Amino acid sequence: MTHTIEISDDLKDRLDSHCEEDQTIEELLEELVSIYETDGAFLQEGYSE
């Protein structure tokens, strides 16, 4: 089952800019969620707990 989400044109452009060649936004989001689930949070430059 697939679901559709609506995002702004600006967010789509931002996501596209982070996609590697031939990578879809869906694949990028899957990768980001996997990183989040593995690490517990997204790492930010200069951030430490």
N, C-alpha and C. Protein backbone atom coordinates (compact mmCIF):
# COMPACT_ATOMS: atom_id res chain seq x y z
N MET A 1 0.85 -1.17 0.00
CA MET A 1 0.00 0.00 0.00
C MET A 1 0.89 1.24 0.00
N THR A 2 0.62 2.15 -0.86
CA THR A 2 1.37 3.40 -0.90
C THR A 2 0.51 4.54 -0.41
N HIS A 3 1.16 5.58 0.08
CA HIS A 3 0.48 6.78 0.56
C HIS A 3 1.09 7.98 -0.14
N THR A 4 0.31 9.00 -0.27
CA THR A 4 0.77 10.23 -0.90
C THR A 4 0.85 11.33 0.14
N ILE A 5 1.96 12.07 0.12
CA ILE A 5 2.07 13.23 0.98
C ILE A 5 2.28 14.45 0.09
N GLU A 6 1.83 15.59 0.56
CA GLU A 6 2.00 16.82 -0.20
C GLU A 6 3.12 17.62 0.44
N ILE A 7 4.04 18.08 -0.42
CA ILE A 7 5.13 18.93 0.04
C ILE A 7 5.17 20.16 -0.86
N SER A 8 5.75 21.22 -0.35
CA SER A 8 5.84 22.44 -1.14
C SER A 8 6.87 22.26 -2.26
N ASP A 9 6.76 23.10 -3.26
CA ASP A 9 7.73 23.07 -4.36
C ASP A 9 9.15 23.33 -3.83
N ASP A 10 9.25 24.23 -2.86
CA ASP A 10 10.56 24.55 -2.27
C ASP A 10 11.18 23.32 -1.61
N LEU A 11 10.38 22.59 -0.83
CA LEU A 11 10.90 21.39 -0.17
C LEU A 11 11.28 20.33 -1.19
N LYS A 12 10.48 20.17 -2.23
CA LYS A 12 10.82 19.22 -3.29
C LYS A 12 12.16 19.57 -3.92
N ASP A 13 12.37 20.86 -4.20
CA ASP A 13 13.64 21.29 -4.78
C ASP A 13 14.80 21.02 -3.83
N ARG A 14 14.59 21.26 -2.55
CA ARG A 14 15.64 20.98 -1.55
C ARG A 14 15.96 19.50 -1.50
N LEU A 15 14.93 18.65 -1.51
CA LEU A 15 15.16 17.21 -1.49
C LEU A 15 15.87 16.77 -2.77
N ASP A 16 15.45 17.29 -3.90
CA ASP A 16 16.10 16.96 -5.17
C ASP A 16 17.58 17.31 -5.14
N SER A 17 17.92 18.42 -4.50
CA SER A 17 19.33 18.85 -4.47
C SER A 17 20.20 17.90 -3.65
N HIS A 18 19.58 17.11 -2.78
CA HIS A 18 20.33 16.16 -1.95
C HIS A 18 20.37 14.76 -2.53
N CYS A 19 19.57 14.51 -3.55
CA CYS A 19 19.54 13.20 -4.18
C CYS A 19 20.80 12.99 -5.00
N GLU A 20 21.33 11.77 -4.91
CA GLU A 20 22.44 11.40 -5.77
C GLU A 20 21.90 11.13 -7.16
N GLU A 21 22.79 11.03 -8.12
CA GLU A 21 22.37 10.79 -9.50
C GLU A 21 21.49 9.55 -9.58
N ASP A 22 20.36 9.66 -10.23
CA ASP A 22 19.39 8.57 -10.42
C ASP A 22 18.71 8.13 -9.13
N GLN A 23 18.82 8.89 -8.04
CA GLN A 23 18.16 8.55 -6.78
C GLN A 23 16.83 9.31 -6.72
N THR A 24 15.77 8.63 -6.31
CA THR A 24 14.48 9.28 -6.18
C THR A 24 14.35 9.90 -4.79
N ILE A 25 13.39 10.80 -4.66
CA ILE A 25 13.13 11.39 -3.35
C ILE A 25 12.72 10.31 -2.36
N GLU A 26 11.93 9.35 -2.82
CA GLU A 26 11.52 8.24 -1.95
C GLU A 26 12.74 7.48 -1.41
N GLU A 27 13.70 7.22 -2.28
CA GLU A 27 14.91 6.51 -1.85
C GLU A 27 15.71 7.35 -0.86
N LEU A 28 15.79 8.66 -1.10
CA LEU A 28 16.48 9.55 -0.17
C LEU A 28 15.79 9.53 1.19
N LEU A 29 14.48 9.61 1.21
CA LEU A 29 13.74 9.60 2.47
C LEU A 29 13.91 8.27 3.21
N GLU A 30 13.92 7.16 2.47
CA GLU A 30 14.16 5.85 3.09
C GLU A 30 15.53 5.82 3.75
N GLU A 31 16.54 6.38 3.07
CA GLU A 31 17.89 6.42 3.62
C GLU A 31 17.95 7.28 4.88
N LEU A 32 17.29 8.44 4.83
CA LEU A 32 17.28 9.33 5.99
C LEU A 32 16.58 8.69 7.19
N VAL A 33 15.48 8.00 6.96
CA VAL A 33 14.76 7.34 8.05
C VAL A 33 15.62 6.21 8.63
N SER A 34 16.31 5.48 7.78
CA SER A 34 17.19 4.41 8.26
C SER A 34 18.30 4.97 9.14
N ILE A 35 18.89 6.08 8.71
CA ILE A 35 19.93 6.73 9.52
C ILE A 35 19.35 7.16 10.86
N TYR A 36 18.18 7.76 10.83
CA TYR A 36 17.53 8.21 12.06
C TYR A 36 17.24 7.04 13.00
N GLU A 37 16.72 5.95 12.45
CA GLU A 37 16.40 4.79 13.28
C GLU A 37 17.65 4.14 13.84
N THR A 38 18.73 4.14 13.10
CA THR A 38 19.98 3.52 13.55
C THR A 38 20.66 4.37 14.62
N ASP A 39 20.74 5.67 14.38
CA ASP A 39 21.49 6.56 15.27
C ASP A 39 20.61 7.18 16.35
N GLY A 40 19.32 7.13 16.19
CA GLY A 40 18.42 7.72 17.16
C GLY A 40 18.15 9.19 16.93
N ALA A 41 18.94 9.80 16.10
CA ALA A 41 18.76 11.22 15.77
C ALA A 41 19.66 11.56 14.61
N PHE A 42 19.33 12.62 13.93
CA PHE A 42 20.20 13.10 12.87
C PHE A 42 21.36 13.85 13.52
N LEU A 43 22.54 13.61 13.02
CA LEU A 43 23.71 14.31 13.54
C LEU A 43 23.82 15.66 12.87
N GLN A 44 24.16 16.66 13.68
CA GLN A 44 24.37 17.99 13.14
C GLN A 44 25.82 18.38 13.40
N GLU A 45 26.40 19.06 12.47
CA GLU A 45 27.78 19.49 12.63
C GLU A 45 27.91 20.35 13.89
N GLY A 46 28.86 19.99 14.74
CA GLY A 46 29.08 20.75 15.95
C GLY A 46 28.17 20.37 17.11
N TYR A 47 27.30 19.38 16.90
CA TYR A 47 26.36 18.97 17.95
C TYR A 47 26.93 17.77 18.70
N SER A 48 26.84 17.82 20.00
CA SER A 48 27.23 16.65 20.79
C SER A 48 26.31 16.54 21.99
N GLU A 49 26.13 15.32 22.46
CA GLU A 49 25.26 15.10 23.61
C GLU A 49 26.07 15.07 24.88
